[in-house]
Amino acid sequence: MARKFSELKAKLPKEVQENIKKRVEANVEEILMSEMRKLAGFTQKNLAEKMGITQSALSQLENQPDPHLSTLSKMVEALGGELEISVKYQGKDLKIKQTA
């Protein structure tokens, strides 16, 4: 009979369980904006047209080390996504809401 991982994990020593938890939490994916565009199947030209900017401006955005959040949000939305910003603070995960 197959056993659930949660059952097996519960039998491990507490320090091993904590190590597993830390490794899972540390497994956060990072992606470059240009990689995100390519994964969505867009060329710079296609996405720039959808965003209402030039291909050159999109190239600059993709290579900018610190883009404006509004510009990044516009790009993510053009790709069909939604930008969310979260913060780890005092042991809590908080999502930052933009005020109207």
N, C-alpha and C. Protein backbone atom coordinates (compact mmCIF):
# COMPACT_ATOMS: atom_id res chain seq x y z
N MET A 1 0.84 -1.18 0.00
CA MET A 1 0.00 0.00 0.00
C MET A 1 0.88 1.25 0.00
N ALA A 2 0.56 2.20 -0.87
CA ALA A 2 1.32 3.45 -0.96
C ALA A 2 1.06 4.31 0.27
N ARG A 3 2.12 4.99 0.70
CA ARG A 3 2.00 5.87 1.86
C ARG A 3 2.19 7.30 1.42
N LYS A 4 1.51 8.20 2.08
CA LYS A 4 1.63 9.61 1.77
C LYS A 4 2.95 10.15 2.31
N PHE A 5 3.52 11.11 1.55
CA PHE A 5 4.76 11.74 1.99
C PHE A 5 4.58 12.41 3.34
N SER A 6 3.44 13.01 3.58
CA SER A 6 3.19 13.70 4.85
C SER A 6 3.28 12.72 6.03
N GLU A 7 2.85 11.48 5.82
CA GLU A 7 2.93 10.47 6.88
C GLU A 7 4.39 10.09 7.15
N LEU A 8 5.15 9.92 6.07
CA LEU A 8 6.56 9.57 6.23
C LEU A 8 7.33 10.72 6.86
N LYS A 9 7.04 11.96 6.42
CA LYS A 9 7.73 13.13 6.94
C LYS A 9 7.46 13.30 8.43
N ALA A 10 6.24 13.00 8.86
CA ALA A 10 5.87 13.16 10.26
C ALA A 10 6.70 12.26 11.18
N LYS A 11 7.23 11.17 10.64
CA LYS A 11 8.04 10.25 11.43
C LYS A 11 9.52 10.64 11.49
N LEU A 12 9.90 11.63 10.68
CA LEU A 12 11.29 12.08 10.68
C LEU A 12 11.58 12.96 11.90
N PRO A 13 12.86 13.04 12.30
CA PRO A 13 13.21 13.94 13.40
C PRO A 13 12.84 15.38 13.05
N LYS A 14 12.51 16.18 14.06
CA LYS A 14 12.07 17.56 13.85
C LYS A 14 13.09 18.38 13.06
N GLU A 15 14.38 18.19 13.32
CA GLU A 15 15.39 18.98 12.60
C GLU A 15 15.41 18.62 11.11
N VAL A 16 15.15 17.38 10.77
CA VAL A 16 15.08 16.97 9.36
C VAL A 16 13.83 17.58 8.72
N GLN A 17 12.71 17.60 9.44
CA GLN A 17 11.49 18.22 8.93
C GLN A 17 11.72 19.71 8.65
N GLU A 18 12.42 20.40 9.55
CA GLU A 18 12.71 21.82 9.37
C GLU A 18 13.62 22.04 8.15
N ASN A 19 14.58 21.15 7.97
CA ASN A 19 15.48 21.25 6.82
C ASN A 19 14.70 21.10 5.52
N ILE A 20 13.77 20.16 5.49
CA ILE A 20 12.93 19.98 4.31
C ILE A 20 12.12 21.24 4.05
N LYS A 21 11.53 21.80 5.10
CA LYS A 21 10.72 23.02 4.96
C LYS A 21 11.54 24.17 4.40
N LYS A 22 12.76 24.35 4.91
CA LYS A 22 13.62 25.44 4.45
C LYS A 22 14.01 25.26 2.98
N ARG A 23 14.31 24.03 2.58
CA ARG A 23 14.70 23.78 1.20
C ARG A 23 13.54 24.02 0.24
N VAL A 24 12.33 23.66 0.64
CA VAL A 24 11.16 23.89 -0.20
C VAL A 24 10.92 25.39 -0.34
N GLU A 25 11.00 26.14 0.78
CA GLU A 25 10.78 27.58 0.75
C GLU A 25 11.84 28.29 -0.08
N ALA A 26 13.05 27.76 -0.11
CA ALA A 26 14.14 28.39 -0.85
C ALA A 26 14.04 28.14 -2.36
N ASN A 27 13.18 27.21 -2.75
CA ASN A 27 13.06 26.85 -4.16
C ASN A 27 12.10 27.81 -4.87
N VAL A 28 12.54 29.04 -5.02
CA VAL A 28 11.74 30.06 -5.69
C VAL A 28 12.32 30.28 -7.07
N GLU A 29 11.45 30.27 -8.07
CA GLU A 29 11.93 30.46 -9.43
C GLU A 29 12.18 31.93 -9.72
N GLU A 30 13.22 32.18 -10.46
CA GLU A 30 13.53 33.52 -10.91
C GLU A 30 13.60 33.46 -12.43
N ILE A 31 13.14 34.53 -13.05
CA ILE A 31 13.14 34.55 -14.51
C ILE A 31 13.41 35.97 -14.99
N LEU A 32 14.16 36.06 -16.06
CA LEU A 32 14.40 37.35 -16.69
C LEU A 32 13.15 37.76 -17.47
N MET A 33 12.92 39.06 -17.61
CA MET A 33 11.75 39.52 -18.36
C MET A 33 11.78 39.01 -19.80
N SER A 34 12.97 38.98 -20.39
CA SER A 34 13.06 38.49 -21.78
C SER A 34 12.72 37.00 -21.86
N GLU A 35 13.09 36.22 -20.84
CA GLU A 35 12.75 34.80 -20.82
C GLU A 35 11.25 34.61 -20.67
N MET A 36 10.63 35.45 -19.83
CA MET A 36 9.19 35.37 -19.64
C MET A 36 8.47 35.66 -20.96
N ARG A 37 8.95 36.67 -21.70
CA ARG A 37 8.37 37.02 -22.99
C ARG A 37 8.48 35.85 -23.96
N LYS A 38 9.67 35.24 -24.01
CA LYS A 38 9.89 34.11 -24.93
C LYS A 38 9.02 32.91 -24.57
N LEU A 39 8.89 32.62 -23.26
CA LEU A 39 8.05 31.51 -22.82
C LEU A 39 6.60 31.73 -23.21
N ALA A 40 6.17 32.99 -23.24
CA ALA A 40 4.80 33.32 -23.63
C ALA A 40 4.62 33.31 -25.14
N GLY A 41 5.72 33.13 -25.90
CA GLY A 41 5.64 33.02 -27.35
C GLY A 41 5.63 34.35 -28.09
N PHE A 42 6.14 35.39 -27.45
CA PHE A 42 6.18 36.71 -28.07
C PHE A 42 7.59 37.05 -28.54
N THR A 43 7.66 37.75 -29.66
CA THR A 43 8.91 38.40 -30.06
C THR A 43 8.89 39.79 -29.42
N GLN A 44 10.04 40.46 -29.42
CA GLN A 44 10.05 41.83 -28.91
C GLN A 44 9.08 42.70 -29.70
N LYS A 45 9.07 42.52 -31.00
CA LYS A 45 8.22 43.34 -31.85
C LYS A 45 6.74 43.12 -31.53
N ASN A 46 6.32 41.85 -31.41
CA ASN A 46 4.92 41.53 -31.11
C ASN A 46 4.48 42.14 -29.78
N LEU A 47 5.31 41.94 -28.76
CA LEU A 47 4.94 42.42 -27.43
C LEU A 47 4.96 43.94 -27.38
N ALA A 48 5.95 44.55 -28.02
CA ALA A 48 6.02 46.02 -28.04
C ALA A 48 4.76 46.60 -28.67
N GLU A 49 4.30 46.01 -29.77
CA GLU A 49 3.07 46.48 -30.42
C GLU A 49 1.88 46.35 -29.48
N LYS A 50 1.80 45.24 -28.77
CA LYS A 50 0.69 45.01 -27.84
C LYS A 50 0.73 46.01 -26.68
N MET A 51 1.93 46.41 -26.28
CA MET A 51 2.09 47.37 -25.17
C MET A 51 1.98 48.82 -25.65
N GLY A 52 2.03 49.04 -26.96
CA GLY A 52 1.95 50.39 -27.50
C GLY A 52 3.26 51.15 -27.38
N ILE A 53 4.38 50.40 -27.43
CA ILE A 53 5.71 51.01 -27.38
C ILE A 53 6.53 50.48 -28.54
N THR A 54 7.71 51.05 -28.73
CA THR A 54 8.57 50.57 -29.80
C THR A 54 9.34 49.33 -29.36
N GLN A 55 9.84 48.59 -30.36
CA GLN A 55 10.66 47.42 -30.06
C GLN A 55 11.92 47.85 -29.31
N SER A 56 12.47 48.98 -29.67
CA SER A 56 13.66 49.51 -29.01
C SER A 56 13.39 49.80 -27.53
N ALA A 57 12.21 50.39 -27.25
CA ALA A 57 11.85 50.69 -25.86
C ALA A 57 11.68 49.41 -25.05
N LEU A 58 11.11 48.38 -25.66
CA LEU A 58 10.96 47.09 -24.96
C LEU A 58 12.33 46.47 -24.70
N SER A 59 13.22 46.55 -25.65
CA SER A 59 14.58 46.04 -25.47
C SER A 59 15.25 46.73 -24.28
N GLN A 60 15.09 48.03 -24.20
CA GLN A 60 15.66 48.78 -23.07
C GLN A 60 15.03 48.35 -21.76
N LEU A 61 13.71 48.14 -21.77
CA LEU A 61 13.01 47.69 -20.56
C LEU A 61 13.54 46.34 -20.10
N GLU A 62 13.70 45.41 -21.05
CA GLU A 62 14.17 44.07 -20.69
C GLU A 62 15.59 44.08 -20.12
N ASN A 63 16.37 45.06 -20.49
CA ASN A 63 17.75 45.13 -20.03
C ASN A 63 17.97 46.12 -18.90
N GLN A 64 16.90 46.76 -18.47
CA GLN A 64 16.98 47.75 -17.39
C GLN A 64 17.10 47.03 -16.05
N PRO A 65 18.05 47.43 -15.21
CA PRO A 65 18.22 46.74 -13.94
C PRO A 65 17.12 47.05 -12.91
N ASP A 66 16.42 48.18 -13.08
CA ASP A 66 15.44 48.59 -12.07
C ASP A 66 14.25 49.28 -12.74
N PRO A 67 13.38 48.51 -13.41
CA PRO A 67 12.25 49.12 -14.12
C PRO A 67 11.19 49.65 -13.16
N HIS A 68 10.41 50.62 -13.61
CA HIS A 68 9.29 51.10 -12.82
C HIS A 68 8.26 49.99 -12.68
N LEU A 69 7.62 49.92 -11.54
CA LEU A 69 6.61 48.88 -11.33
C LEU A 69 5.45 49.01 -12.30
N SER A 70 5.07 50.23 -12.63
CA SER A 70 3.95 50.43 -13.56
C SER A 70 4.30 49.86 -14.94
N THR A 71 5.54 50.04 -15.36
CA THR A 71 5.97 49.52 -16.66
C THR A 71 6.04 48.00 -16.62
N LEU A 72 6.58 47.46 -15.55
CA LEU A 72 6.66 46.01 -15.40
C LEU A 72 5.26 45.40 -15.36
N SER A 73 4.34 46.06 -14.65
CA SER A 73 2.97 45.58 -14.58
C SER A 73 2.32 45.58 -15.96
N LYS A 74 2.57 46.63 -16.74
CA LYS A 74 2.02 46.72 -18.10
C LYS A 74 2.54 45.57 -18.97
N MET A 75 3.82 45.25 -18.82
CA MET A 75 4.40 44.16 -19.60
C MET A 75 3.80 42.82 -19.20
N VAL A 76 3.71 42.57 -17.91
CA VAL A 76 3.17 41.30 -17.42
C VAL A 76 1.71 41.14 -17.87
N GLU A 77 0.93 42.22 -17.79
CA GLU A 77 -0.46 42.16 -18.24
C GLU A 77 -0.57 41.90 -19.74
N ALA A 78 0.33 42.49 -20.53
CA ALA A 78 0.34 42.26 -21.97
C ALA A 78 0.66 40.79 -22.28
N LEU A 79 1.40 40.14 -21.40
CA LEU A 79 1.72 38.72 -21.56
C LEU A 79 0.61 37.82 -21.04
N GLY A 80 -0.43 38.43 -20.45
CA GLY A 80 -1.55 37.65 -19.95
C GLY A 80 -1.45 37.31 -18.48
N GLY A 81 -0.52 37.95 -17.77
CA GLY A 81 -0.34 37.67 -16.35
C GLY A 81 -0.79 38.83 -15.48
N GLU A 82 -0.50 38.70 -14.21
CA GLU A 82 -0.82 39.74 -13.23
C GLU A 82 0.36 39.89 -12.29
N LEU A 83 0.82 41.11 -12.10
CA LEU A 83 1.95 41.37 -11.22
C LEU A 83 1.49 41.43 -9.78
N GLU A 84 2.12 40.66 -8.92
CA GLU A 84 1.86 40.69 -7.49
C GLU A 84 3.17 40.94 -6.77
N ILE A 85 3.11 41.74 -5.72
CA ILE A 85 4.30 42.02 -4.93
C ILE A 85 4.03 41.56 -3.51
N SER A 86 4.93 40.74 -2.99
CA SER A 86 4.76 40.26 -1.62
C SER A 86 6.04 40.49 -0.84
N VAL A 87 5.85 40.55 0.47
CA VAL A 87 6.96 40.83 1.38
C VAL A 87 6.92 39.81 2.52
N LYS A 88 8.06 39.31 2.90
CA LYS A 88 8.16 38.48 4.10
C LYS A 88 8.53 39.44 5.24
N TYR A 89 7.65 39.53 6.23
CA TYR A 89 7.85 40.49 7.33
C TYR A 89 7.39 39.86 8.63
N GLN A 90 8.30 39.80 9.57
CA GLN A 90 8.02 39.25 10.90
C GLN A 90 7.36 37.87 10.83
N GLY A 91 7.90 37.04 9.95
CA GLY A 91 7.42 35.67 9.81
C GLY A 91 6.13 35.53 9.03
N LYS A 92 5.66 36.59 8.42
CA LYS A 92 4.42 36.54 7.66
C LYS A 92 4.69 36.87 6.20
N ASP A 93 3.88 36.31 5.32
CA ASP A 93 3.91 36.67 3.90
C ASP A 93 2.80 37.68 3.67
N LEU A 94 3.18 38.88 3.27
CA LEU A 94 2.22 39.96 3.06
C LEU A 94 2.20 40.35 1.59
N LYS A 95 1.02 40.48 1.04
CA LYS A 95 0.86 40.95 -0.35
C LYS A 95 0.60 42.44 -0.29
N ILE A 96 1.39 43.19 -1.06
CA ILE A 96 1.22 44.64 -1.10
C ILE A 96 0.12 44.98 -2.08
N LYS A 97 -0.86 45.75 -1.60
CA LYS A 97 -1.95 46.21 -2.46
C LYS A 97 -1.66 47.64 -2.87
N GLN A 98 -1.93 47.94 -4.12
CA GLN A 98 -1.74 49.29 -4.60
C GLN A 98 -2.99 50.09 -4.24
N THR A 99 -2.79 51.27 -3.65
CA THR A 99 -3.92 52.10 -3.28
C THR A 99 -4.46 52.82 -4.50
N ALA A 100 -5.76 53.10 -4.45
CA ALA A 100 -6.42 53.77 -5.59
C ALA A 100 -6.31 55.28 -5.46
